[in-house]
Amino acid sequence: MTMKLKAILTEVAAVVLCIVYSYTAYQKIFGHTGFVMHFRQVPVFRNFPTLSAITIPALEILIVLLLLLQHSRLKTLGFGLSMMLLILFTGYLSMMKLFASKLPCSCGGFISSLTFGEHIVFNLFLLTLSIVGFILNSGLSSIQISKLFKSSATIKAIF
């Protein structure tokens, strides 16, 4: 793969993620009351809904800022944080789909109109963009990437 193609793919992944995270952070910030209310309905977040409702959009904004930077290591960090957040979001959605009788959704805008299955697929698409961006932007060889994922506690926990 040429350097130019890598750069284009990395930027496309970063731009798509920036648009989605900016949109969702905006929806969560300006729909803060509803966002907190949804967290109060979820047992995991019931004890700290306000903290969660502040932390998640702040992390989304941080990811956007890191992805907008041209410094390679910071952009790679942005892709890495995006991967972690999307793994958590997708895990949460999967658990809600499997175990919850009532499915509260705190997502705003068009995302709230998705079914939980569609939302999981959408998150997996974004996770794929994050992984591709991370790999292409990191400059690691395929052998180094393979070792990274084999030793990663997050990947081990999932599989």
C-alpha atoms as a PDB file:
ATOM      1  CA  MET A   1       0.000   0.000   0.000  1.00  0.00           C
ATOM      2  CA  THR A   2       1.418   3.372  -0.949  1.00  0.00           C
ATOM      3  CA  MET A   3       2.038   6.080   1.614  1.00  0.00           C
ATOM      4  CA  LYS A   4      -0.470   8.327  -0.141  1.00  0.00           C
ATOM      5  CA  LEU A   5      -3.215   5.697   0.053  1.00  0.00           C
ATOM      6  CA  LYS A   6      -2.429   5.083   3.733  1.00  0.00           C
ATOM      7  CA  ALA A   7      -2.670   8.806   4.416  1.00  0.00           C
ATOM      8  CA  ILE A   8      -5.990   9.099   2.569  1.00  0.00           C
ATOM      9  CA  LEU A   9      -7.513   6.091   4.350  1.00  0.00           C
ATOM     10  CA  THR A  10      -6.311   7.374   7.720  1.00  0.00           C
ATOM     11  CA  GLU A  11      -7.816  10.800   7.094  1.00  0.00           C
ATOM     12  CA  VAL A  12     -11.123   9.370   5.860  1.00  0.00           C
ATOM     13  CA  ALA A  13     -11.369   7.206   8.999  1.00  0.00           C
ATOM     14  CA  ALA A  14     -10.493  10.202  11.199  1.00  0.00           C
ATOM     15  CA  VAL A  15     -13.022  12.499   9.503  1.00  0.00           C
ATOM     16  CA  VAL A  16     -15.874   9.978   9.742  1.00  0.00           C
ATOM     17  CA  LEU A  17     -15.110   9.326  13.419  1.00  0.00           C
ATOM     18  CA  CYS A  18     -14.828  13.074  14.117  1.00  0.00           C
ATOM     19  CA  ILE A  19     -18.230  13.707  12.537  1.00  0.00           C
ATOM     20  CA  VAL A  20     -19.903  10.916  14.511  1.00  0.00           C
ATOM     21  CA  TYR A  21     -18.247  11.788  17.846  1.00  0.00           C
ATOM     22  CA  SER A  22     -18.928  15.523  17.398  1.00  0.00           C
ATOM     23  CA  TYR A  23     -22.561  14.798  16.598  1.00  0.00           C
ATOM     24  CA  THR A  24     -23.069  12.416  19.518  1.00  0.00           C
ATOM     25  CA  ALA A  25     -21.227  14.661  21.987  1.00  0.00           C
ATOM     26  CA  TYR A  26     -23.387  17.597  20.879  1.00  0.00           C
ATOM     27  CA  GLN A  27     -26.550  15.519  21.317  1.00  0.00           C
ATOM     28  CA  LYS A  28     -25.457  14.400  24.799  1.00  0.00           C
ATOM     29  CA  ILE A  29     -24.427  17.870  25.957  1.00  0.00           C
ATOM     30  CA  PHE A  30     -27.521  19.678  24.716  1.00  0.00           C
ATOM     31  CA  GLY A  31     -29.817  16.840  25.752  1.00  0.00           C
ATOM     32  CA  HIS A  32     -28.051  16.490  29.094  1.00  0.00           C
ATOM     33  CA  THR A  33     -31.199  16.071  31.203  1.00  0.00           C
ATOM     34  CA  GLY A  34     -32.502  13.224  29.059  1.00  0.00           C
ATOM     35  CA  PHE A  35     -29.039  11.667  28.912  1.00  0.00           C
ATOM     36  CA  VAL A  36     -28.803  11.639  32.734  1.00  0.00           C
ATOM     37  CA  MET A  37     -32.362  10.277  32.981  1.00  0.00           C
ATOM     38  CA  HIS A  38     -31.452   7.318  30.756  1.00  0.00           C
ATOM     39  CA  PHE A  39     -28.404   6.559  32.881  1.00  0.00           C
ATOM     40  CA  ARG A  40     -30.596   6.438  35.986  1.00  0.00           C
ATOM     41  CA  GLN A  41     -32.540   3.573  34.379  1.00  0.00           C
ATOM     42  CA  VAL A  42     -29.436   1.431  33.842  1.00  0.00           C
ATOM     43  CA  PRO A  43     -28.270  -0.472  36.952  1.00  0.00           C
ATOM     44  CA  VAL A  44     -24.567  -0.123  36.083  1.00  0.00           C
ATOM     45  CA  PHE A  45     -24.798   3.684  35.931  1.00  0.00           C
ATOM     46  CA  ARG A  46     -27.565   4.270  38.469  1.00  0.00           C
ATOM     47  CA  ASN A  47     -25.171   5.398  41.230  1.00  0.00           C
ATOM     48  CA  PHE A  48     -23.264   7.920  39.129  1.00  0.00           C
ATOM     49  CA  PRO A  49     -25.434   9.117  36.232  1.00  0.00           C
ATOM     50  CA  THR A  50     -24.201  12.722  36.225  1.00  0.00           C
ATOM     51  CA  LEU A  51     -20.528  11.709  36.235  1.00  0.00           C
ATOM     52  CA  SER A  52     -21.162   9.324  33.330  1.00  0.00           C
ATOM     53  CA  ALA A  53     -23.150  11.957  31.451  1.00  0.00           C
ATOM     54  CA  ILE A  54     -20.219  14.379  31.729  1.00  0.00           C
ATOM     55  CA  THR A  55     -17.374  11.910  31.176  1.00  0.00           C
ATOM     56  CA  ILE A  56     -18.660  10.279  27.978  1.00  0.00           C
ATOM     57  CA  PRO A  57     -19.141  13.468  25.912  1.00  0.00           C
ATOM     58  CA  ALA A  58     -15.856  14.845  27.292  1.00  0.00           C
ATOM     59  CA  LEU A  59     -14.073  11.707  26.115  1.00  0.00           C
ATOM     60  CA  GLU A  60     -15.779  11.962  22.722  1.00  0.00           C
ATOM     61  CA  ILE A  61     -14.596  15.572  22.381  1.00  0.00           C
ATOM     62  CA  LEU A  62     -11.063  14.552  23.408  1.00  0.00           C
ATOM     63  CA  ILE A  63     -11.067  11.854  20.711  1.00  0.00           C
ATOM     64  CA  VAL A  64     -12.188  14.414  18.106  1.00  0.00           C
ATOM     65  CA  LEU A  65      -9.403  16.806  19.109  1.00  0.00           C
ATOM     66  CA  LEU A  66      -6.769  14.052  18.983  1.00  0.00           C
ATOM     67  CA  LEU A  67      -7.975  12.845  15.587  1.00  0.00           C
ATOM     68  CA  LEU A  68      -7.862  16.375  14.172  1.00  0.00           C
ATOM     69  CA  LEU A  69      -4.212  16.821  15.127  1.00  0.00           C
ATOM     70  CA  GLN A  70      -1.562  16.096  12.547  1.00  0.00           C
ATOM     71  CA  HIS A  71       0.882  14.762  15.153  1.00  0.00           C
ATOM     72  CA  SER A  72       1.014  11.059  14.383  1.00  0.00           C
ATOM     73  CA  ARG A  73       1.314   9.749  17.959  1.00  0.00           C
ATOM     74  CA  LEU A  74      -1.593  11.847  19.220  1.00  0.00           C
ATOM     75  CA  LYS A  75      -3.751  10.811  16.267  1.00  0.00           C
ATOM     76  CA  THR A  76      -2.854   7.174  16.983  1.00  0.00           C
ATOM     77  CA  LEU A  77      -3.881   7.762  20.602  1.00  0.00           C
ATOM     78  CA  GLY A  78      -7.196   9.155  19.330  1.00  0.00           C
ATOM     79  CA  PHE A  79      -7.790   6.023  17.261  1.00  0.00           C
ATOM     80  CA  GLY A  80      -6.855   3.868  20.260  1.00  0.00           C
ATOM     81  CA  LEU A  81      -9.252   5.698  22.582  1.00  0.00           C
ATOM     82  CA  SER A  82     -11.938   5.405  19.922  1.00  0.00           C
ATOM     83  CA  MET A  83     -11.377   1.640  19.764  1.00  0.00           C
ATOM     84  CA  MET A  84     -11.688   1.323  23.546  1.00  0.00           C
ATOM     85  CA  LEU A  85     -14.808   3.481  23.718  1.00  0.00           C
ATOM     86  CA  LEU A  86     -16.484   1.616  20.863  1.00  0.00           C
ATOM     87  CA  ILE A  87     -15.671  -1.748  22.460  1.00  0.00           C
ATOM     88  CA  LEU A  88     -17.332  -0.509  25.659  1.00  0.00           C
ATOM     89  CA  PHE A  89     -20.341   0.974  23.818  1.00  0.00           C
ATOM     90  CA  THR A  90     -20.821  -2.156  21.711  1.00  0.00           C
ATOM     91  CA  GLY A  91     -20.467  -4.405  24.765  1.00  0.00           C
ATOM     92  CA  TYR A  92     -23.030  -2.290  26.616  1.00  0.00           C
ATOM     93  CA  LEU A  93     -25.462  -2.418  23.674  1.00  0.00           C
ATOM     94  CA  SER A  94     -24.978  -6.175  23.321  1.00  0.00           C
ATOM     95  CA  MET A  95     -25.669  -6.723  27.030  1.00  0.00           C
ATOM     96  CA  MET A  96     -28.747  -4.502  26.856  1.00  0.00           C
ATOM     97  CA  LYS A  97     -29.987  -6.429  23.829  1.00  0.00           C
ATOM     98  CA  LEU A  98     -29.438  -9.795  25.513  1.00  0.00           C
ATOM     99  CA  PHE A  99     -30.458  -9.135  29.114  1.00  0.00           C
ATOM    100  CA  ALA A 100     -32.639  -6.048  29.448  1.00  0.00           C
ATOM    101  CA  SER A 101     -36.393  -6.244  29.247  1.00  0.00           C
ATOM    102  CA  LYS A 102     -36.565  -2.473  28.765  1.00  0.00           C
ATOM    103  CA  LEU A 103     -34.055  -0.934  26.421  1.00  0.00           C
ATOM    104  CA  PRO A 104     -33.312   2.698  27.294  1.00  0.00           C
ATOM    105  CA  CYS A 105     -31.361   4.501  24.589  1.00  0.00           C
ATOM    106  CA  SER A 106     -29.558   7.711  25.423  1.00  0.00           C
ATOM    107  CA  CYS A 107     -28.326   8.304  21.895  1.00  0.00           C
ATOM    108  CA  GLY A 108     -29.584  11.350  20.125  1.00  0.00           C
ATOM    109  CA  GLY A 109     -30.636  12.246  16.626  1.00  0.00           C
ATOM    110  CA  PHE A 110     -30.684   9.633  13.883  1.00  0.00           C
ATOM    111  CA  ILE A 111     -28.811   7.108  16.042  1.00  0.00           C
ATOM    112  CA  SER A 112     -31.746   6.863  18.445  1.00  0.00           C
ATOM    113  CA  SER A 113     -33.923   5.717  15.536  1.00  0.00           C
ATOM    114  CA  LEU A 114     -31.723   2.650  14.977  1.00  0.00           C
ATOM    115  CA  THR A 115     -32.682  -0.693  16.481  1.00  0.00           C
ATOM    116  CA  PHE A 116     -30.187  -2.108  18.966  1.00  0.00           C
ATOM    117  CA  GLY A 117     -29.057  -4.595  16.310  1.00  0.00           C
ATOM    118  CA  GLU A 118     -28.517  -1.813  13.759  1.00  0.00           C
ATOM    119  CA  HIS A 119     -26.732   0.261  16.385  1.00  0.00           C
ATOM    120  CA  ILE A 120     -24.376  -2.640  17.138  1.00  0.00           C
ATOM    121  CA  VAL A 121     -23.600  -3.006  13.411  1.00  0.00           C
ATOM    122  CA  PHE A 122     -23.027   0.767  13.148  1.00  0.00           C
ATOM    123  CA  ASN A 123     -20.659   0.614  16.151  1.00  0.00           C
ATOM    124  CA  LEU A 124     -18.787  -2.329  14.616  1.00  0.00           C
ATOM    125  CA  PHE A 125     -18.341  -0.274  11.428  1.00  0.00           C
ATOM    126  CA  LEU A 126     -16.926   2.607  13.504  1.00  0.00           C
ATOM    127  CA  LEU A 127     -14.738   0.159  15.441  1.00  0.00           C
ATOM    128  CA  THR A 128     -13.379  -1.139  12.132  1.00  0.00           C
ATOM    129  CA  LEU A 129     -12.565   2.438  11.065  1.00  0.00           C
ATOM    130  CA  SER A 130     -10.806   2.986  14.399  1.00  0.00           C
ATOM    131  CA  ILE A 131      -8.741  -0.184  14.013  1.00  0.00           C
ATOM    132  CA  VAL A 132      -7.813   0.630  10.414  1.00  0.00           C
ATOM    133  CA  GLY A 133      -6.883   4.191  11.375  1.00  0.00           C
ATOM    134  CA  PHE A 134      -4.855   2.958  14.342  1.00  0.00           C
ATOM    135  CA  ILE A 135      -2.941   0.415  12.262  1.00  0.00           C
ATOM    136  CA  LEU A 136      -2.280   2.710   9.310  1.00  0.00           C
ATOM    137  CA  ASN A 137      -1.356   5.704  11.447  1.00  0.00           C
ATOM    138  CA  SER A 138       0.826   3.814  13.917  1.00  0.00           C
ATOM    139  CA  GLY A 139       3.447   2.843  11.355  1.00  0.00           C
ATOM    140  CA  LEU A 140       3.754  -0.583  12.963  1.00  0.00           C
ATOM    141  CA  SER A 141       4.606  -3.606  10.862  1.00  0.00           C
ATOM    142  CA  SER A 142       2.086  -6.429  10.532  1.00  0.00           C
ATOM    143  CA  ILE A 143       4.220  -8.582  12.855  1.00  0.00           C
ATOM    144  CA  GLN A 144       4.269  -5.859  15.527  1.00  0.00           C
ATOM    145  CA  ILE A 145       0.506  -5.382  15.211  1.00  0.00           C
ATOM    146  CA  SER A 146      -0.067  -9.121  15.534  1.00  0.00           C
ATOM    147  CA  LYS A 147       2.036  -9.191  18.726  1.00  0.00           C
ATOM    148  CA  LEU A 148       0.217  -6.129  20.065  1.00  0.00           C
ATOM    149  CA  PHE A 149      -3.211  -7.707  19.639  1.00  0.00           C
ATOM    150  CA  LYS A 150      -2.081 -11.096  20.958  1.00  0.00           C
ATOM    151  CA  SER A 151      -0.775  -9.516  24.154  1.00  0.00           C
ATOM    152  CA  SER A 152      -3.610  -7.045  24.622  1.00  0.00           C
ATOM    153  CA  ALA A 153      -5.660  -7.668  27.756  1.00  0.00           C
ATOM    154  CA  THR A 154      -8.703  -6.099  26.090  1.00  0.00           C
ATOM    155  CA  ILE A 155      -8.567  -8.463  23.142  1.00  0.00           C
ATOM    156  CA  LYS A 156      -8.009 -11.434  25.482  1.00  0.00           C
ATOM    157  CA  ALA A 157     -11.029 -10.416  27.520  1.00  0.00           C
ATOM    158  CA  ILE A 158     -13.212 -10.275  24.416  1.00  0.00           C
ATOM    159  CA  PHE A 159     -12.049 -13.583  22.972  1.00  0.00           C
END
